[in-house]
Amino acid sequence: MAIGARSQSARTYLEKFLDQYLDCTLEELVKHGLRALRDTLPQEVELTTKNCSLGVVGKDTDFTIFDDDRVAPYLQLIEGEERTNARPPAEGAGEAAMETEGEGEARGEGEGQDPQPAEPQADERMDQ
């Protein structure tokens, strides 16, 4: 799932429900993904067809992107649900959250540098 630089709240959500994913339908998985993505947004910002795209791929399923009006039915699945971890408003308190989650990016640290790949975890190594 591509969730951007301030992804800690999405990661926390996804880890919280990790044990449920094997038994989920595609619709339930999409709902989990959208909830996690929504939790990265400031309180006053909602997921809309203008700021959200959805990609789906799986075994025996071609990669499909849903955006604009095609993502609307999926957004309706979580419409009206209470946020699990609402972020603070974008101004003021949001800056502190960005700094801890962005690890210095909010201050401009690391700008102009190429990103460095993370070391693979033991289960991700190709030589197994």
Protein backbone atom coordinates (compact mmCIF):
# COMPACT_ATOMS: atom_id res chain seq x y z
CA MET A 1 0.00 0.00 0.00
CA ALA A 2 1.42 3.40 -0.95
CA ILE A 3 0.65 5.78 1.86
CA GLY A 4 3.21 8.58 1.68
CA ALA A 5 5.70 10.22 4.01
CA ARG A 6 3.41 10.65 7.04
CA SER A 7 2.38 7.04 7.15
CA GLN A 8 2.81 6.07 10.79
CA SER A 9 -0.90 6.25 11.65
CA ALA A 10 -1.76 4.13 8.59
CA ARG A 11 0.92 1.61 9.49
CA THR A 12 -0.40 1.47 13.06
CA TYR A 13 -3.94 0.83 11.79
CA LEU A 14 -2.80 -1.89 9.37
CA GLU A 15 -0.71 -3.62 12.04
CA LYS A 16 -3.61 -3.50 14.51
CA PHE A 17 -5.84 -5.56 12.20
CA LEU A 18 -3.11 -7.71 10.59
CA ASP A 19 -4.49 -11.01 11.89
CA GLN A 20 -7.87 -10.41 10.19
CA TYR A 21 -6.70 -9.92 6.60
CA LEU A 22 -6.44 -13.58 5.57
CA ASP A 23 -10.17 -14.07 6.15
CA CYS A 24 -11.29 -10.79 4.53
CA THR A 25 -13.17 -10.36 1.28
CA LEU A 26 -11.85 -7.92 -1.31
CA GLU A 27 -14.43 -5.37 -0.16
CA GLU A 28 -13.30 -5.70 3.47
CA LEU A 29 -9.63 -5.35 2.46
CA VAL A 30 -10.44 -2.20 0.49
CA LYS A 31 -12.28 -0.79 3.50
CA HIS A 32 -9.28 -1.46 5.74
CA GLY A 33 -6.98 0.25 3.24
CA LEU A 34 -9.22 3.30 2.94
CA ARG A 35 -9.60 3.57 6.71
CA ALA A 36 -5.82 3.44 7.14
CA LEU A 37 -5.36 6.08 4.46
CA ARG A 38 -8.06 8.28 5.96
CA ASP A 39 -6.31 8.14 9.33
CA THR A 40 -3.29 9.90 7.82
CA LEU A 41 -5.36 12.98 7.00
CA PRO A 42 -5.95 16.00 9.24
CA GLN A 43 -9.30 16.00 11.09
CA GLU A 44 -10.95 18.52 8.74
CA VAL A 45 -9.93 16.69 5.54
CA GLU A 46 -11.98 13.80 4.17
CA LEU A 47 -11.11 11.23 1.53
CA THR A 48 -12.79 12.21 -1.72
CA THR A 49 -12.75 11.19 -5.36
CA LYS A 50 -10.33 14.09 -5.91
CA ASN A 51 -7.67 13.08 -3.36
CA CYS A 52 -7.86 9.28 -3.45
CA SER A 53 -7.08 6.55 -5.96
CA LEU A 54 -7.38 2.85 -5.32
CA GLY A 55 -5.39 0.06 -6.93
CA VAL A 56 -6.40 -3.59 -6.69
CA VAL A 57 -4.33 -6.61 -7.68
CA GLY A 58 -4.28 -10.22 -6.62
CA LYS A 59 -3.80 -13.79 -7.66
CA ASP A 60 -5.69 -14.31 -10.94
CA THR A 61 -6.74 -10.63 -10.83
CA ASP A 62 -5.31 -8.00 -13.16
CA PHE A 63 -4.04 -4.74 -11.69
CA THR A 64 -6.88 -2.20 -11.80
CA ILE A 65 -6.85 1.44 -10.74
CA PHE A 66 -10.02 3.11 -9.52
CA ASP A 67 -9.89 6.89 -9.46
CA ASP A 68 -12.19 9.87 -9.85
CA ASP A 69 -15.80 8.66 -10.02
CA ARG A 70 -14.74 5.00 -10.11
CA VAL A 71 -13.44 5.20 -6.52
CA ALA A 72 -16.70 6.75 -5.20
CA PRO A 73 -18.49 3.43 -4.46
CA TYR A 74 -15.52 2.33 -2.36
CA LEU A 75 -15.42 5.60 -0.46
CA GLN A 76 -19.12 5.18 0.32
CA LEU A 77 -18.28 1.93 2.12
CA ILE A 78 -16.55 3.87 4.92
CA GLU A 79 -18.61 7.06 4.74
CA GLY A 80 -19.98 8.06 8.12
CA GLU A 81 -17.68 5.74 10.06
CA GLU A 82 -15.84 7.26 12.98
CA ARG A 83 -12.11 7.65 12.46
CA THR A 84 -10.00 5.26 14.48
CA ASN A 85 -7.09 7.65 14.98
CA ALA A 86 -8.03 11.19 13.96
CA ARG A 87 -5.02 13.37 13.19
CA PRO A 88 -4.88 16.89 14.63
CA PRO A 89 -5.95 19.87 12.48
CA ALA A 90 -3.53 20.80 9.70
CA GLU A 91 -2.40 24.05 11.33
CA GLY A 92 -0.62 24.31 14.67
CA ALA A 93 -0.71 20.89 16.33
CA GLY A 94 -0.27 19.11 13.00
CA GLU A 95 3.27 20.43 12.67
CA ALA A 96 4.43 18.50 15.72
CA ALA A 97 2.92 15.29 14.36
CA MET A 98 4.52 15.82 10.97
CA GLU A 99 7.92 16.30 12.55
CA THR A 100 7.83 13.05 14.49
CA GLU A 101 6.35 11.05 11.64
CA GLY A 102 8.35 12.69 8.87
CA GLU A 103 11.60 12.23 10.81
CA GLY A 104 12.94 15.71 10.11
CA GLU A 105 11.40 16.15 6.68
CA ALA A 106 9.16 18.93 7.99
CA ARG A 107 12.32 20.90 8.87
CA GLY A 108 13.83 20.31 5.45
CA GLU A 109 16.38 17.77 6.65
CA GLY A 110 17.43 15.42 3.92
CA GLU A 111 16.23 17.67 1.10
CA GLY A 112 18.27 17.36 -2.05
CA GLN A 113 19.52 13.91 -1.05
CA ASP A 114 18.61 10.74 -2.85
CA PRO A 115 16.53 8.37 -0.73
CA GLN A 116 18.42 5.33 0.51
CA PRO A 117 16.83 1.89 0.28
CA ALA A 118 16.19 0.12 3.55
CA GLU A 119 18.00 -3.10 4.32
CA PRO A 120 15.77 -6.08 3.51
CA GLN A 121 14.34 -8.01 6.42
CA ALA A 122 15.31 -11.66 6.83
CA ASP A 123 12.09 -12.86 5.16
CA GLU A 124 12.54 -10.49 2.19
CA ARG A 125 16.01 -11.61 1.11
CA MET A 126 16.24 -13.05 -2.38
CA ASP A 127 18.80 -15.75 -1.50
CA GLN A 128 16.36 -17.95 0.39
